[in-house]
Amino acid sequence: MPNDLQIRSRAEAASGVHLWLVLWKATRTLESIAQRNVEGLGICLSDFGVLEALLHKGPLPVNALGAKVLLTSGSMTAAVDRLERRSLVKRQGDPQDRRTRIVHLTARGRRMIRAMFAEHQQAMERAVSALNPKERAMLLVLLRKLGRGGEGLQGAERLLSEPGRKAAPAALDVRESKRRRK
């Protein structure tokens, strides 16, 4: 039977701060591996992200593409300009909205990102090889749950910070805050 010190140590090891630190370190490790791999392919991470999104999502408006790859408007324009100069993408007008430009992969861009993505996929498989398939599936479920919970708390914090809104009880139900936002 574990003693009080062992029980307390386990509880501290599972604290929110400790969990955040472990997730942060794991994320930094995976990011570093991904970045080294992509840069080794002769392309920057943002350009790779744009090409990968177009490969898997198809042609997209510039602003939607930027949102998918987490690039600001200016960075997105620079990335598309670089890729267009290399004949990997092309911009075309949207027939339904003349203000919108749609980004498409060229045949050359499609061939290039398919080959690069296959190499990157193998590198990331090696990076997470310490986890078996069942552990990976469990980790995905838990991380999604954690992310949804965090998003709900951020929404609750936004609601509470609105002018004129009174503070809610400490045990604010996240589902209730989501319902109020809709």
C-alpha atoms as a PDB file:
ATOM      1  CA  MET A   1       0.000   0.000   0.000  1.00  0.00           C
ATOM      2  CA  PRO A   2       1.442   3.412  -0.966  1.00  0.00           C
ATOM      3  CA  ASN A   3       2.327   5.794   1.850  1.00  0.00           C
ATOM      4  CA  ASP A   4       1.228   9.451   2.102  1.00  0.00           C
ATOM      5  CA  LEU A   5       4.401  10.754   0.437  1.00  0.00           C
ATOM      6  CA  GLN A   6       3.920   8.463  -2.574  1.00  0.00           C
ATOM      7  CA  ILE A   7       0.265   9.460  -2.900  1.00  0.00           C
ATOM      8  CA  ARG A   8       1.140  13.161  -2.638  1.00  0.00           C
ATOM      9  CA  SER A   9       3.954  12.743  -5.203  1.00  0.00           C
ATOM     10  CA  ARG A  10       1.556  11.108  -7.671  1.00  0.00           C
ATOM     11  CA  ALA A  11      -0.972  13.920  -7.205  1.00  0.00           C
ATOM     12  CA  GLU A  12       1.728  16.572  -7.754  1.00  0.00           C
ATOM     13  CA  ALA A  13       2.964  14.693 -10.827  1.00  0.00           C
ATOM     14  CA  ALA A  14      -0.553  14.869 -12.260  1.00  0.00           C
ATOM     15  CA  SER A  15      -1.059  18.563 -11.488  1.00  0.00           C
ATOM     16  CA  GLY A  16      -2.141  20.958 -14.191  1.00  0.00           C
ATOM     17  CA  VAL A  17       1.254  22.672 -14.163  1.00  0.00           C
ATOM     18  CA  HIS A  18       3.145  19.399 -14.477  1.00  0.00           C
ATOM     19  CA  LEU A  19       0.850  18.218 -17.276  1.00  0.00           C
ATOM     20  CA  TRP A  20       1.370  21.507 -19.105  1.00  0.00           C
ATOM     21  CA  LEU A  21       5.164  21.205 -18.795  1.00  0.00           C
ATOM     22  CA  VAL A  22       5.181  17.629 -20.090  1.00  0.00           C
ATOM     23  CA  LEU A  23       2.907  18.553 -23.018  1.00  0.00           C
ATOM     24  CA  TRP A  24       5.036  21.603 -23.782  1.00  0.00           C
ATOM     25  CA  LYS A  25       8.261  19.566 -23.853  1.00  0.00           C
ATOM     26  CA  ALA A  26       6.685  16.840 -26.002  1.00  0.00           C
ATOM     27  CA  THR A  27       5.290  19.454 -28.396  1.00  0.00           C
ATOM     28  CA  ARG A  28       8.652  21.205 -28.689  1.00  0.00           C
ATOM     29  CA  THR A  29      10.346  17.876 -29.420  1.00  0.00           C
ATOM     30  CA  LEU A  30       7.849  16.946 -32.143  1.00  0.00           C
ATOM     31  CA  GLU A  31       7.938  20.470 -33.604  1.00  0.00           C
ATOM     32  CA  SER A  32      11.723  20.350 -33.773  1.00  0.00           C
ATOM     33  CA  ILE A  33      11.683  16.970 -35.530  1.00  0.00           C
ATOM     34  CA  ALA A  34       9.010  18.175 -37.978  1.00  0.00           C
ATOM     35  CA  GLN A  35      10.823  21.423 -38.712  1.00  0.00           C
ATOM     36  CA  ARG A  36      14.198  19.704 -39.297  1.00  0.00           C
ATOM     37  CA  ASN A  37      12.538  17.169 -41.572  1.00  0.00           C
ATOM     38  CA  VAL A  38      10.648  19.748 -43.630  1.00  0.00           C
ATOM     39  CA  GLU A  39      13.651  22.061 -43.934  1.00  0.00           C
ATOM     40  CA  GLY A  40      15.689  19.027 -45.025  1.00  0.00           C
ATOM     41  CA  LEU A  41      13.249  18.700 -47.901  1.00  0.00           C
ATOM     42  CA  GLY A  42      14.352  22.132 -49.132  1.00  0.00           C
ATOM     43  CA  ILE A  43      11.268  24.121 -48.149  1.00  0.00           C
ATOM     44  CA  CYS A  44      10.210  26.244 -45.182  1.00  0.00           C
ATOM     45  CA  LEU A  45       7.535  25.059 -42.774  1.00  0.00           C
ATOM     46  CA  SER A  46       4.926  27.646 -43.821  1.00  0.00           C
ATOM     47  CA  ASP A  47       5.287  26.798 -47.530  1.00  0.00           C
ATOM     48  CA  PHE A  48       5.075  23.093 -46.709  1.00  0.00           C
ATOM     49  CA  GLY A  49       1.910  23.755 -44.698  1.00  0.00           C
ATOM     50  CA  VAL A  50       0.305  25.616 -47.602  1.00  0.00           C
ATOM     51  CA  LEU A  51       1.147  22.863 -50.091  1.00  0.00           C
ATOM     52  CA  GLU A  52       0.018  20.127 -47.688  1.00  0.00           C
ATOM     53  CA  ALA A  53      -3.315  21.866 -47.054  1.00  0.00           C
ATOM     54  CA  LEU A  54      -3.942  22.226 -50.784  1.00  0.00           C
ATOM     55  CA  LEU A  55      -3.027  18.572 -51.349  1.00  0.00           C
ATOM     56  CA  HIS A  56      -5.475  17.317 -48.739  1.00  0.00           C
ATOM     57  CA  LYS A  57      -8.222  19.979 -48.885  1.00  0.00           C
ATOM     58  CA  GLY A  58      -8.132  20.970 -52.557  1.00  0.00           C
ATOM     59  CA  PRO A  59      -8.198  24.543 -53.905  1.00  0.00           C
ATOM     60  CA  LEU A  60      -8.948  27.128 -51.215  1.00  0.00           C
ATOM     61  CA  PRO A  61      -9.466  30.882 -50.973  1.00  0.00           C
ATOM     62  CA  VAL A  62      -6.332  32.646 -49.734  1.00  0.00           C
ATOM     63  CA  ASN A  63      -7.946  33.687 -46.430  1.00  0.00           C
ATOM     64  CA  ALA A  64      -9.290  30.170 -45.690  1.00  0.00           C
ATOM     65  CA  LEU A  65      -5.906  28.687 -46.525  1.00  0.00           C
ATOM     66  CA  GLY A  66      -4.212  31.130 -44.149  1.00  0.00           C
ATOM     67  CA  ALA A  67      -6.589  30.139 -41.355  1.00  0.00           C
ATOM     68  CA  LYS A  68      -5.885  26.435 -41.940  1.00  0.00           C
ATOM     69  CA  VAL A  69      -2.104  26.850 -41.742  1.00  0.00           C
ATOM     70  CA  LEU A  70      -2.203  29.536 -39.024  1.00  0.00           C
ATOM     71  CA  LEU A  71      -0.602  32.301 -41.105  1.00  0.00           C
ATOM     72  CA  THR A  72      -1.486  35.982 -40.974  1.00  0.00           C
ATOM     73  CA  SER A  73      -2.737  37.672 -44.115  1.00  0.00           C
ATOM     74  CA  GLY A  74       0.672  39.177 -44.873  1.00  0.00           C
ATOM     75  CA  SER A  75       2.552  35.925 -44.260  1.00  0.00           C
ATOM     76  CA  MET A  76       0.025  34.043 -46.359  1.00  0.00           C
ATOM     77  CA  THR A  77       0.502  36.437 -49.281  1.00  0.00           C
ATOM     78  CA  ALA A  78       4.292  36.071 -49.027  1.00  0.00           C
ATOM     79  CA  ALA A  79       4.039  32.257 -48.940  1.00  0.00           C
ATOM     80  CA  VAL A  80       1.723  32.111 -51.958  1.00  0.00           C
ATOM     81  CA  ASP A  81       3.990  34.559 -53.828  1.00  0.00           C
ATOM     82  CA  ARG A  82       7.035  32.322 -53.140  1.00  0.00           C
ATOM     83  CA  LEU A  83       5.192  29.188 -54.214  1.00  0.00           C
ATOM     84  CA  GLU A  84       3.787  30.881 -57.313  1.00  0.00           C
ATOM     85  CA  ARG A  85       7.292  32.013 -58.378  1.00  0.00           C
ATOM     86  CA  ARG A  86       8.377  28.355 -58.158  1.00  0.00           C
ATOM     87  CA  SER A  87       5.342  27.313 -60.266  1.00  0.00           C
ATOM     88  CA  LEU A  88       3.980  25.166 -57.427  1.00  0.00           C
ATOM     89  CA  VAL A  89       0.665  27.007 -57.028  1.00  0.00           C
ATOM     90  CA  LYS A  90      -1.466  29.394 -59.048  1.00  0.00           C
ATOM     91  CA  ARG A  91      -4.084  31.927 -58.027  1.00  0.00           C
ATOM     92  CA  GLN A  92      -7.355  32.112 -59.892  1.00  0.00           C
ATOM     93  CA  GLY A  93     -10.365  34.328 -59.477  1.00  0.00           C
ATOM     94  CA  ASP A  94     -13.480  32.935 -57.872  1.00  0.00           C
ATOM     95  CA  PRO A  95     -16.313  32.923 -60.447  1.00  0.00           C
ATOM     96  CA  GLN A  96     -18.875  33.556 -57.655  1.00  0.00           C
ATOM     97  CA  ASP A  97     -16.953  36.403 -55.977  1.00  0.00           C
ATOM     98  CA  ARG A  98     -14.552  38.524 -58.006  1.00  0.00           C
ATOM     99  CA  ARG A  99     -12.905  39.808 -54.813  1.00  0.00           C
ATOM    100  CA  THR A 100     -11.749  36.313 -53.820  1.00  0.00           C
ATOM    101  CA  ARG A 101      -8.640  34.549 -55.110  1.00  0.00           C
ATOM    102  CA  ILE A 102      -8.507  30.752 -55.014  1.00  0.00           C
ATOM    103  CA  VAL A 103      -5.125  29.010 -54.641  1.00  0.00           C
ATOM    104  CA  HIS A 104      -4.617  25.797 -56.638  1.00  0.00           C
ATOM    105  CA  LEU A 105      -1.740  23.345 -56.799  1.00  0.00           C
ATOM    106  CA  THR A 106      -0.078  23.098 -60.187  1.00  0.00           C
ATOM    107  CA  ALA A 107       0.795  19.639 -61.555  1.00  0.00           C
ATOM    108  CA  ARG A 108       4.416  20.304 -60.541  1.00  0.00           C
ATOM    109  CA  GLY A 109       3.321  21.393 -57.056  1.00  0.00           C
ATOM    110  CA  ARG A 110       1.142  18.296 -56.646  1.00  0.00           C
ATOM    111  CA  ARG A 111       4.017  15.950 -57.595  1.00  0.00           C
ATOM    112  CA  MET A 112       6.403  17.769 -55.280  1.00  0.00           C
ATOM    113  CA  ILE A 113       4.161  17.870 -52.184  1.00  0.00           C
ATOM    114  CA  ARG A 114       3.108  14.226 -52.623  1.00  0.00           C
ATOM    115  CA  ALA A 115       6.761  13.141 -52.498  1.00  0.00           C
ATOM    116  CA  MET A 116       7.584  15.540 -49.654  1.00  0.00           C
ATOM    117  CA  PHE A 117       4.536  14.564 -47.640  1.00  0.00           C
ATOM    118  CA  ALA A 118       5.354  10.842 -47.944  1.00  0.00           C
ATOM    119  CA  GLU A 119       8.849  11.521 -46.549  1.00  0.00           C
ATOM    120  CA  HIS A 120       7.481  13.759 -43.808  1.00  0.00           C
ATOM    121  CA  GLN A 121       4.862  11.168 -42.872  1.00  0.00           C
ATOM    122  CA  GLN A 122       7.596   8.552 -42.409  1.00  0.00           C
ATOM    123  CA  ALA A 123       9.667  10.946 -40.277  1.00  0.00           C
ATOM    124  CA  MET A 124       6.702  11.679 -38.017  1.00  0.00           C
ATOM    125  CA  GLU A 125       5.929   7.957 -37.720  1.00  0.00           C
ATOM    126  CA  ARG A 126       9.493   7.436 -36.488  1.00  0.00           C
ATOM    127  CA  ALA A 127       9.079  10.374 -34.089  1.00  0.00           C
ATOM    128  CA  VAL A 128       6.056   8.827 -32.363  1.00  0.00           C
ATOM    129  CA  SER A 129       7.207   5.207 -32.605  1.00  0.00           C
ATOM    130  CA  ALA A 130       7.526   4.981 -28.797  1.00  0.00           C
ATOM    131  CA  LEU A 131       3.715   4.737 -28.709  1.00  0.00           C
ATOM    132  CA  ASN A 132       1.871   1.692 -30.001  1.00  0.00           C
ATOM    133  CA  PRO A 133      -1.311   2.192 -32.086  1.00  0.00           C
ATOM    134  CA  LYS A 134      -3.612   1.771 -29.072  1.00  0.00           C
ATOM    135  CA  GLU A 135      -1.627   4.349 -27.057  1.00  0.00           C
ATOM    136  CA  ARG A 136      -1.714   6.778 -29.984  1.00  0.00           C
ATOM    137  CA  ALA A 137      -5.482   6.446 -30.291  1.00  0.00           C
ATOM    138  CA  MET A 138      -5.899   6.972 -26.548  1.00  0.00           C
ATOM    139  CA  LEU A 139      -3.601  10.003 -26.605  1.00  0.00           C
ATOM    140  CA  LEU A 140      -5.592  11.546 -29.470  1.00  0.00           C
ATOM    141  CA  VAL A 141      -8.856  11.107 -27.554  1.00  0.00           C
ATOM    142  CA  LEU A 142      -7.389  12.635 -24.399  1.00  0.00           C
ATOM    143  CA  LEU A 143      -5.740  15.576 -26.200  1.00  0.00           C
ATOM    144  CA  ARG A 144      -8.973  16.374 -28.052  1.00  0.00           C
ATOM    145  CA  LYS A 145     -10.868  16.244 -24.763  1.00  0.00           C
ATOM    146  CA  LEU A 146      -8.292  18.529 -23.148  1.00  0.00           C
ATOM    147  CA  GLY A 147      -8.445  20.933 -26.093  1.00  0.00           C
ATOM    148  CA  ARG A 148     -12.233  21.106 -26.068  1.00  0.00           C
ATOM    149  CA  GLY A 149     -12.224  21.695 -22.322  1.00  0.00           C
ATOM    150  CA  GLY A 150      -9.673  24.492 -22.692  1.00  0.00           C
ATOM    151  CA  GLU A 151     -11.663  26.094 -25.488  1.00  0.00           C
ATOM    152  CA  GLY A 152     -14.752  26.016 -23.281  1.00  0.00           C
ATOM    153  CA  LEU A 153     -12.887  27.681 -20.428  1.00  0.00           C
ATOM    154  CA  GLN A 154     -11.571  30.380 -22.767  1.00  0.00           C
ATOM    155  CA  GLY A 155     -15.140  31.012 -23.903  1.00  0.00           C
ATOM    156  CA  ALA A 156     -16.281  31.258 -20.290  1.00  0.00           C
ATOM    157  CA  GLU A 157     -13.473  33.708 -19.519  1.00  0.00           C
ATOM    158  CA  ARG A 158     -14.500  35.836 -22.512  1.00  0.00           C
ATOM    159  CA  LEU A 159     -18.097  35.840 -21.313  1.00  0.00           C
ATOM    160  CA  LEU A 160     -17.056  36.885 -17.831  1.00  0.00           C
ATOM    161  CA  SER A 161     -14.856  39.681 -19.147  1.00  0.00           C
ATOM    162  CA  GLU A 162     -17.695  41.337 -21.094  1.00  0.00           C
ATOM    163  CA  PRO A 163     -18.585  44.779 -19.715  1.00  0.00           C
ATOM    164  CA  GLY A 164     -21.511  44.679 -17.309  1.00  0.00           C
ATOM    165  CA  ARG A 165     -21.359  40.934 -16.789  1.00  0.00           C
ATOM    166  CA  LYS A 166     -21.315  39.769 -13.183  1.00  0.00           C
ATOM    167  CA  ALA A 167     -18.866  37.121 -12.035  1.00  0.00           C
ATOM    168  CA  ALA A 168     -20.216  33.578 -12.221  1.00  0.00           C
ATOM    169  CA  PRO A 169     -19.802  30.949  -9.528  1.00  0.00           C
ATOM    170  CA  ALA A 170     -16.415  29.207  -9.470  1.00  0.00           C
ATOM    171  CA  ALA A 171     -17.975  25.998 -10.764  1.00  0.00           C
ATOM    172  CA  LEU A 172     -19.150  27.542 -14.056  1.00  0.00           C
ATOM    173  CA  ASP A 173     -20.442  24.754 -16.271  1.00  0.00           C
ATOM    174  CA  VAL A 174     -18.489  24.858 -19.548  1.00  0.00           C
ATOM    175  CA  ARG A 175     -21.419  23.421 -21.485  1.00  0.00           C
ATOM    176  CA  GLU A 176     -23.585  26.270 -20.266  1.00  0.00           C
ATOM    177  CA  SER A 177     -21.050  28.853 -21.460  1.00  0.00           C
ATOM    178  CA  LYS A 178     -20.931  27.199 -24.894  1.00  0.00           C
ATOM    179  CA  ARG A 179     -24.743  27.188 -25.084  1.00  0.00           C
ATOM    180  CA  ARG A 180     -24.912  30.914 -24.284  1.00  0.00           C
ATOM    181  CA  ARG A 181     -22.454  31.757 -27.073  1.00  0.00           C
ATOM    182  CA  LYS A 182     -24.669  30.162 -29.749  1.00  0.00           C
END
